Amino acid sequence: MKYTGPVCRLCRREQTKLFLKGERCYTEKCPMEFSKTKKSRGIPGTSGKFRRRLTDYGVQLREKQKMKRYYLITEKQFSNYVKKAATIKEGTKSENLFKLLESRFDMIVFRLGFARSKMHARQMVTHGSFMINKKKVDIPSYILKTGDIIEFRKEVLERQKNLEEMIQDIDPSKVPEWLTLNKDAKTGHLEEPPRPEEIKEKYFPTLKENLIIEYYSR
């Protein structure tokens, strides 16, 4: 089932930043931030005084939930990605899982800086704002292949004048190595498959992805 509640609650539940609100997540407005005037908020609906120690299953579940919620996908979608990752001959299951999730259309739009957040990227894709290789695609879960080119539809740029300014404000240093951004042409290019080691280092430094594979191997 698709989650439609407040996304900050998901970060609080996992007690880690899932970066679901874009730039806001880097400010003191984030409920997971400590500051001089406030403390970070705890797990919703619980008191730290009565928290129980997690079982091995509970630890696996929490790692799975972190990754699933980071990409804002349903349980069925996530389990299908894990199954698909297991069928790929090259690389480990966890490496292939990272590659599949980062190759999603909405994630690449977000990584290129064409959207303010992952939710915004999904909304833009669903509304048909982009083309892949000159063809309109409005499926957020569409998996891009090496060599694919993303570009804004001309009528979208004409209708939404603020996009031009947003594109020019993109910091190229934040675009992953496997993607190429062309601000002038307003296009993005998938140069090579996403690099699992960089994904892990940049976005999931504390994630124990092997526990996710174990969770689905039960």
C-alpha atoms as a PDB file:
ATOM      1  CA  MET A   1       0.000   0.000   0.000  1.00  0.00           C
ATOM      2  CA  LYS A   2       1.269   3.449  -0.923  1.00  0.00           C
ATOM      3  CA  TYR A   3       2.099   5.648   2.081  1.00  0.00           C
ATOM      4  CA  THR A   4       0.273   8.998   2.010  1.00  0.00           C
ATOM      5  CA  GLY A   5       1.010  10.345   5.494  1.00  0.00           C
ATOM      6  CA  PRO A   6       3.632  12.891   6.632  1.00  0.00           C
ATOM      7  CA  VAL A   7       7.019  11.798   5.294  1.00  0.00           C
ATOM      8  CA  CYS A   8       8.967  13.165   8.266  1.00  0.00           C
ATOM      9  CA  ARG A   9       7.231  10.494  10.342  1.00  0.00           C
ATOM     10  CA  LEU A  10       9.031   7.844   8.264  1.00  0.00           C
ATOM     11  CA  CYS A  11      12.427   9.328   9.163  1.00  0.00           C
ATOM     12  CA  ARG A  12      11.455   9.417  12.819  1.00  0.00           C
ATOM     13  CA  ARG A  13      10.323   5.785  12.700  1.00  0.00           C
ATOM     14  CA  GLU A  14      13.650   4.652  11.247  1.00  0.00           C
ATOM     15  CA  GLN A  15      15.622   7.164  13.359  1.00  0.00           C
ATOM     16  CA  THR A  16      17.638   8.169  10.309  1.00  0.00           C
ATOM     17  CA  LYS A  17      17.364  10.801   7.609  1.00  0.00           C
ATOM     18  CA  LEU A  18      15.698   9.458   4.468  1.00  0.00           C
ATOM     19  CA  PHE A  19      15.938  12.831   2.685  1.00  0.00           C
ATOM     20  CA  LEU A  20      12.328  12.847   1.502  1.00  0.00           C
ATOM     21  CA  LYS A  21      11.861  16.637   1.525  1.00  0.00           C
ATOM     22  CA  GLY A  22      14.859  17.765  -0.495  1.00  0.00           C
ATOM     23  CA  GLU A  23      16.746  20.819   0.796  1.00  0.00           C
ATOM     24  CA  ARG A  24      14.540  21.072   3.901  1.00  0.00           C
ATOM     25  CA  CYS A  25      16.218  17.896   5.204  1.00  0.00           C
ATOM     26  CA  TYR A  26      19.525  19.785   5.426  1.00  0.00           C
ATOM     27  CA  THR A  27      18.109  22.546   7.638  1.00  0.00           C
ATOM     28  CA  GLU A  28      17.153  22.787  11.312  1.00  0.00           C
ATOM     29  CA  LYS A  29      13.508  22.407  10.284  1.00  0.00           C
ATOM     30  CA  CYS A  30      14.169  18.684   9.911  1.00  0.00           C
ATOM     31  CA  PRO A  31      12.737  16.844  12.968  1.00  0.00           C
ATOM     32  CA  MET A  32      15.838  14.630  13.026  1.00  0.00           C
ATOM     33  CA  GLU A  33      18.149  17.618  13.553  1.00  0.00           C
ATOM     34  CA  PHE A  34      19.668  18.616  16.866  1.00  0.00           C
ATOM     35  CA  SER A  35      20.067  22.337  17.533  1.00  0.00           C
ATOM     36  CA  LYS A  36      20.662  24.648  20.464  1.00  0.00           C
ATOM     37  CA  THR A  37      16.942  25.274  20.825  1.00  0.00           C
ATOM     38  CA  LYS A  38      15.491  21.796  20.297  1.00  0.00           C
ATOM     39  CA  LYS A  39      16.163  18.080  20.463  1.00  0.00           C
ATOM     40  CA  SER A  40      15.503  15.630  17.664  1.00  0.00           C
ATOM     41  CA  ARG A  41      12.152  13.901  17.961  1.00  0.00           C
ATOM     42  CA  GLY A  42      11.935  10.210  18.822  1.00  0.00           C
ATOM     43  CA  ILE A  43      10.042   7.280  17.317  1.00  0.00           C
ATOM     44  CA  PRO A  44       6.385   8.202  16.812  1.00  0.00           C
ATOM     45  CA  GLY A  45       3.981   6.546  19.240  1.00  0.00           C
ATOM     46  CA  THR A  46       6.650   5.233  21.604  1.00  0.00           C
ATOM     47  CA  SER A  47       8.602   6.329  24.634  1.00  0.00           C
ATOM     48  CA  GLY A  48      12.353   5.712  24.734  1.00  0.00           C
ATOM     49  CA  LYS A  49      11.888   4.480  28.301  1.00  0.00           C
ATOM     50  CA  PHE A  50       9.940   1.426  27.139  1.00  0.00           C
ATOM     51  CA  ARG A  51      11.759   0.531  23.915  1.00  0.00           C
ATOM     52  CA  ARG A  52      12.532  -3.164  23.598  1.00  0.00           C
ATOM     53  CA  ARG A  53      15.665  -4.728  22.192  1.00  0.00           C
ATOM     54  CA  LEU A  54      15.119  -5.847  18.595  1.00  0.00           C
ATOM     55  CA  THR A  55      15.263  -9.500  17.614  1.00  0.00           C
ATOM     56  CA  ASP A  56      17.357 -10.609  14.615  1.00  0.00           C
ATOM     57  CA  TYR A  57      14.188 -10.496  12.515  1.00  0.00           C
ATOM     58  CA  GLY A  58      13.426  -7.006  13.829  1.00  0.00           C
ATOM     59  CA  VAL A  59      16.893  -5.748  12.842  1.00  0.00           C
ATOM     60  CA  GLN A  60      16.478  -7.168   9.314  1.00  0.00           C
ATOM     61  CA  LEU A  61      13.024  -5.605   9.054  1.00  0.00           C
ATOM     62  CA  ARG A  62      14.270  -2.153  10.041  1.00  0.00           C
ATOM     63  CA  GLU A  63      17.084  -2.233   7.457  1.00  0.00           C
ATOM     64  CA  LYS A  64      14.601  -3.274   4.782  1.00  0.00           C
ATOM     65  CA  GLN A  65      12.174  -0.530   5.785  1.00  0.00           C
ATOM     66  CA  LYS A  66      14.902   2.123   5.646  1.00  0.00           C
ATOM     67  CA  MET A  67      15.792   1.308   2.060  1.00  0.00           C
ATOM     68  CA  LYS A  68      12.211   0.793   0.901  1.00  0.00           C
ATOM     69  CA  ARG A  69      11.092   4.083   2.417  1.00  0.00           C
ATOM     70  CA  TYR A  70      14.105   5.970   1.069  1.00  0.00           C
ATOM     71  CA  TYR A  71      12.936   5.135  -2.456  1.00  0.00           C
ATOM     72  CA  LEU A  72       9.258   5.672  -1.566  1.00  0.00           C
ATOM     73  CA  ILE A  73       8.089   2.376  -3.041  1.00  0.00           C
ATOM     74  CA  THR A  74       5.619  -0.250  -1.866  1.00  0.00           C
ATOM     75  CA  GLU A  75       6.489  -3.588  -0.288  1.00  0.00           C
ATOM     76  CA  LYS A  76       5.424  -5.456  -3.425  1.00  0.00           C
ATOM     77  CA  GLN A  77       7.602  -3.276  -5.637  1.00  0.00           C
ATOM     78  CA  PHE A  78      10.595  -3.633  -3.321  1.00  0.00           C
ATOM     79  CA  SER A  79      10.310  -7.423  -3.049  1.00  0.00           C
ATOM     80  CA  ASN A  80      10.100  -7.621  -6.853  1.00  0.00           C
ATOM     81  CA  TYR A  81      13.330  -5.634  -7.146  1.00  0.00           C
ATOM     82  CA  VAL A  82      15.032  -8.031  -4.724  1.00  0.00           C
ATOM     83  CA  LYS A  83      13.838 -11.012  -6.794  1.00  0.00           C
ATOM     84  CA  LYS A  84      15.005  -9.378 -10.010  1.00  0.00           C
ATOM     85  CA  ALA A  85      18.406  -8.566  -8.466  1.00  0.00           C
ATOM     86  CA  ALA A  86      18.826 -12.269  -7.646  1.00  0.00           C
ATOM     87  CA  THR A  87      18.380 -13.225 -11.314  1.00  0.00           C
ATOM     88  CA  ILE A  88      21.215 -10.983 -12.564  1.00  0.00           C
ATOM     89  CA  LYS A  89      24.350 -13.080 -13.032  1.00  0.00           C
ATOM     90  CA  GLU A  90      26.966 -10.347 -12.642  1.00  0.00           C
ATOM     91  CA  GLY A  91      27.581  -8.811  -9.221  1.00  0.00           C
ATOM     92  CA  THR A  92      26.079  -9.599  -5.823  1.00  0.00           C
ATOM     93  CA  LYS A  93      22.372  -9.378  -5.010  1.00  0.00           C
ATOM     94  CA  SER A  94      22.816  -6.222  -2.939  1.00  0.00           C
ATOM     95  CA  GLU A  95      24.893  -4.528  -5.669  1.00  0.00           C
ATOM     96  CA  ASN A  96      22.274  -5.345  -8.282  1.00  0.00           C
ATOM     97  CA  LEU A  97      19.509  -4.097  -5.988  1.00  0.00           C
ATOM     98  CA  PHE A  98      21.278  -0.734  -5.664  1.00  0.00           C
ATOM     99  CA  LYS A  99      21.680  -0.541  -9.459  1.00  0.00           C
ATOM    100  CA  LEU A 100      18.019  -1.295 -10.154  1.00  0.00           C
ATOM    101  CA  LEU A 101      16.679   1.217  -7.659  1.00  0.00           C
ATOM    102  CA  GLU A 102      19.012   3.996  -8.802  1.00  0.00           C
ATOM    103  CA  SER A 103      18.119   3.308 -12.459  1.00  0.00           C
ATOM    104  CA  ARG A 104      14.461   4.163 -11.860  1.00  0.00           C
ATOM    105  CA  PHE A 105      13.256   7.101 -13.942  1.00  0.00           C
ATOM    106  CA  ASP A 106      12.141   9.164 -10.931  1.00  0.00           C
ATOM    107  CA  MET A 107      15.444   8.631  -9.105  1.00  0.00           C
ATOM    108  CA  ILE A 108      17.531   9.713 -12.081  1.00  0.00           C
ATOM    109  CA  VAL A 109      15.387  12.849 -12.470  1.00  0.00           C
ATOM    110  CA  PHE A 110      16.034  13.586  -8.785  1.00  0.00           C
ATOM    111  CA  ARG A 111      19.771  12.848  -8.957  1.00  0.00           C
ATOM    112  CA  LEU A 112      20.149  15.168 -11.951  1.00  0.00           C
ATOM    113  CA  GLY A 113      18.591  17.986  -9.920  1.00  0.00           C
ATOM    114  CA  PHE A 114      15.545  18.326 -12.186  1.00  0.00           C
ATOM    115  CA  ALA A 115      13.277  18.108  -9.116  1.00  0.00           C
ATOM    116  CA  ARG A 116      13.383  19.487  -5.568  1.00  0.00           C
ATOM    117  CA  SER A 117      12.757  16.117  -3.900  1.00  0.00           C
ATOM    118  CA  LYS A 118      12.072  12.474  -4.731  1.00  0.00           C
ATOM    119  CA  MET A 119       8.338  13.070  -4.359  1.00  0.00           C
ATOM    120  CA  HIS A 120       8.549  16.076  -6.677  1.00  0.00           C
ATOM    121  CA  ALA A 121      10.501  13.988  -9.215  1.00  0.00           C
ATOM    122  CA  ARG A 122       7.826  11.290  -9.167  1.00  0.00           C
ATOM    123  CA  GLN A 123       5.086  13.865  -9.607  1.00  0.00           C
ATOM    124  CA  MET A 124       6.851  15.467 -12.580  1.00  0.00           C
ATOM    125  CA  VAL A 125       7.392  12.101 -14.275  1.00  0.00           C
ATOM    126  CA  THR A 126       3.772  11.071 -13.713  1.00  0.00           C
ATOM    127  CA  HIS A 127       2.580  14.365 -15.200  1.00  0.00           C
ATOM    128  CA  GLY A 128       4.571  13.670 -18.369  1.00  0.00           C
ATOM    129  CA  SER A 129       7.190  16.407 -17.990  1.00  0.00           C
ATOM    130  CA  PHE A 130      10.023  14.414 -19.575  1.00  0.00           C
ATOM    131  CA  MET A 131      11.021  12.395 -22.596  1.00  0.00           C
ATOM    132  CA  ILE A 132      13.468   9.515 -22.812  1.00  0.00           C
ATOM    133  CA  ASN A 133      15.228   9.266 -26.160  1.00  0.00           C
ATOM    134  CA  LYS A 134      12.664  11.680 -27.678  1.00  0.00           C
ATOM    135  CA  LYS A 135       9.675   9.627 -26.465  1.00  0.00           C
ATOM    136  CA  LYS A 136       7.313  10.704 -23.691  1.00  0.00           C
ATOM    137  CA  VAL A 137       7.496   8.400 -20.657  1.00  0.00           C
ATOM    138  CA  ASP A 138       5.327   8.928 -17.560  1.00  0.00           C
ATOM    139  CA  ILE A 139       6.181   5.799 -15.549  1.00  0.00           C
ATOM    140  CA  PRO A 140       8.324   6.572 -12.446  1.00  0.00           C
ATOM    141  CA  SER A 141       9.480   2.941 -12.151  1.00  0.00           C
ATOM    142  CA  TYR A 142      10.745   2.793 -15.751  1.00  0.00           C
ATOM    143  CA  ILE A 143      14.318   1.427 -15.690  1.00  0.00           C
ATOM    144  CA  LEU A 144      16.754   3.421 -17.794  1.00  0.00           C
ATOM    145  CA  LYS A 145      19.590   1.764 -19.694  1.00  0.00           C
ATOM    146  CA  THR A 146      23.097   3.000 -20.390  1.00  0.00           C
ATOM    147  CA  GLY A 147      23.008   5.632 -23.121  1.00  0.00           C
ATOM    148  CA  ASP A 148      19.451   6.806 -22.450  1.00  0.00           C
ATOM    149  CA  ILE A 149      18.902  10.570 -22.571  1.00  0.00           C
ATOM    150  CA  ILE A 150      16.327  12.459 -20.475  1.00  0.00           C
ATOM    151  CA  GLU A 151      15.047  15.844 -21.554  1.00  0.00           C
ATOM    152  CA  PHE A 152      12.216  18.187 -20.623  1.00  0.00           C
ATOM    153  CA  ARG A 153       9.282  18.376 -22.994  1.00  0.00           C
ATOM    154  CA  LYS A 154       9.308  21.752 -24.771  1.00  0.00           C
ATOM    155  CA  GLU A 155       5.737  22.610 -23.803  1.00  0.00           C
ATOM    156  CA  VAL A 156       6.505  21.965 -20.123  1.00  0.00           C
ATOM    157  CA  LEU A 157       9.407  24.427 -20.163  1.00  0.00           C
ATOM    158  CA  GLU A 158       7.223  27.014 -21.871  1.00  0.00           C
ATOM    159  CA  ARG A 159       4.411  26.532 -19.371  1.00  0.00           C
ATOM    160  CA  GLN A 160       6.556  26.443 -16.212  1.00  0.00           C
ATOM    161  CA  LYS A 161       8.949  29.376 -16.415  1.00  0.00           C
ATOM    162  CA  ASN A 162      10.435  28.628 -12.975  1.00  0.00           C
ATOM    163  CA  LEU A 163      12.082  25.443 -14.287  1.00  0.00           C
ATOM    164  CA  GLU A 164      14.702  27.438 -16.188  1.00  0.00           C
ATOM    165  CA  GLU A 165      15.935  29.084 -12.984  1.00  0.00           C
ATOM    166  CA  MET A 166      15.852  25.782 -11.086  1.00  0.00           C
ATOM    167  CA  ILE A 167      17.979  24.079 -13.759  1.00  0.00           C
ATOM    168  CA  GLN A 168      20.566  26.867 -13.759  1.00  0.00           C
ATOM    169  CA  ASP A 169      20.831  26.621  -9.956  1.00  0.00           C
ATOM    170  CA  ILE A 170      21.760  22.922 -10.068  1.00  0.00           C
ATOM    171  CA  ASP A 171      25.154  22.177  -8.511  1.00  0.00           C
ATOM    172  CA  PRO A 172      26.953  19.834 -10.981  1.00  0.00           C
ATOM    173  CA  SER A 173      29.185  18.521  -8.164  1.00  0.00           C
ATOM    174  CA  LYS A 174      26.112  16.869  -6.596  1.00  0.00           C
ATOM    175  CA  VAL A 175      25.292  14.906  -9.763  1.00  0.00           C
ATOM    176  CA  PRO A 176      26.546  11.284  -9.490  1.00  0.00           C
ATOM    177  CA  GLU A 177      29.485  10.139 -11.627  1.00  0.00           C
ATOM    178  CA  TRP A 178      27.311   7.831 -13.731  1.00  0.00           C
ATOM    179  CA  LEU A 179      25.165  10.736 -14.950  1.00  0.00           C
ATOM    180  CA  THR A 180      25.980  13.684 -17.223  1.00  0.00           C
ATOM    181  CA  LEU A 181      24.071  16.941 -16.915  1.00  0.00           C
ATOM    182  CA  ASN A 182      23.821  19.481 -19.732  1.00  0.00           C
ATOM    183  CA  LYS A 183      22.257  22.653 -18.306  1.00  0.00           C
ATOM    184  CA  ASP A 184      22.140  24.492 -21.623  1.00  0.00           C
ATOM    185  CA  ALA A 185      20.350  21.668 -23.430  1.00  0.00           C
ATOM    186  CA  LYS A 186      18.404  20.835 -20.254  1.00  0.00           C
ATOM    187  CA  THR A 187      19.180  17.141 -20.655  1.00  0.00           C
ATOM    188  CA  GLY A 188      20.597  14.311 -18.587  1.00  0.00           C
ATOM    189  CA  HIS A 189      22.495  11.291 -19.874  1.00  0.00           C
ATOM    190  CA  LEU A 190      22.959   7.904 -18.199  1.00  0.00           C
ATOM    191  CA  GLU A 191      26.632   7.366 -19.048  1.00  0.00           C
ATOM    192  CA  GLU A 192      27.065   4.025 -17.279  1.00  0.00           C
ATOM    193  CA  PRO A 193      25.253   1.770 -14.798  1.00  0.00           C
ATOM    194  CA  PRO A 194      24.972   3.258 -11.281  1.00  0.00           C
ATOM    195  CA  ARG A 195      27.973   2.381  -9.110  1.00  0.00           C
ATOM    196  CA  PRO A 196      26.903   0.378  -6.026  1.00  0.00           C
ATOM    197  CA  GLU A 197      29.985   1.312  -3.999  1.00  0.00           C
ATOM    198  CA  GLU A 198      29.341   5.036  -4.509  1.00  0.00           C
ATOM    199  CA  ILE A 199      25.623   4.667  -3.781  1.00  0.00           C
ATOM    200  CA  LYS A 200      26.462   2.921  -0.542  1.00  0.00           C
ATOM    201  CA  GLU A 201      29.086   5.489   0.471  1.00  0.00           C
ATOM    202  CA  LYS A 202      27.053   8.604  -0.418  1.00  0.00           C
ATOM    203  CA  TYR A 203      23.510   7.650   0.489  1.00  0.00           C
ATOM    204  CA  PHE A 204      23.594   4.582   2.782  1.00  0.00           C
ATOM    205  CA  PRO A 205      26.807   4.716   4.868  1.00  0.00           C
ATOM    206  CA  THR A 206      25.249   2.893   7.837  1.00  0.00           C
ATOM    207  CA  LEU A 207      22.916   0.534   5.969  1.00  0.00           C
ATOM    208  CA  LYS A 208      23.513  -3.220   6.404  1.00  0.00           C
ATOM    209  CA  GLU A 209      22.240  -4.288   3.002  1.00  0.00           C
ATOM    210  CA  ASN A 210      23.181  -7.938   3.575  1.00  0.00           C
ATOM    211  CA  LEU A 211      20.435  -8.080   6.224  1.00  0.00           C
ATOM    212  CA  ILE A 212      17.889  -7.031   3.593  1.00  0.00           C
ATOM    213  CA  ILE A 213      18.888  -9.975   1.411  1.00  0.00           C
ATOM    214  CA  GLU A 214      18.672 -12.257   4.470  1.00  0.00           C
ATOM    215  CA  TYR A 215      15.179 -10.908   5.246  1.00  0.00           C
ATOM    216  CA  TYR A 216      13.898 -12.047   1.848  1.00  0.00           C
ATOM    217  CA  SER A 217      15.782 -15.352   2.032  1.00  0.00           C
ATOM    218  CA  ARG A 218      13.764 -16.575   5.021  1.00  0.00           C
END
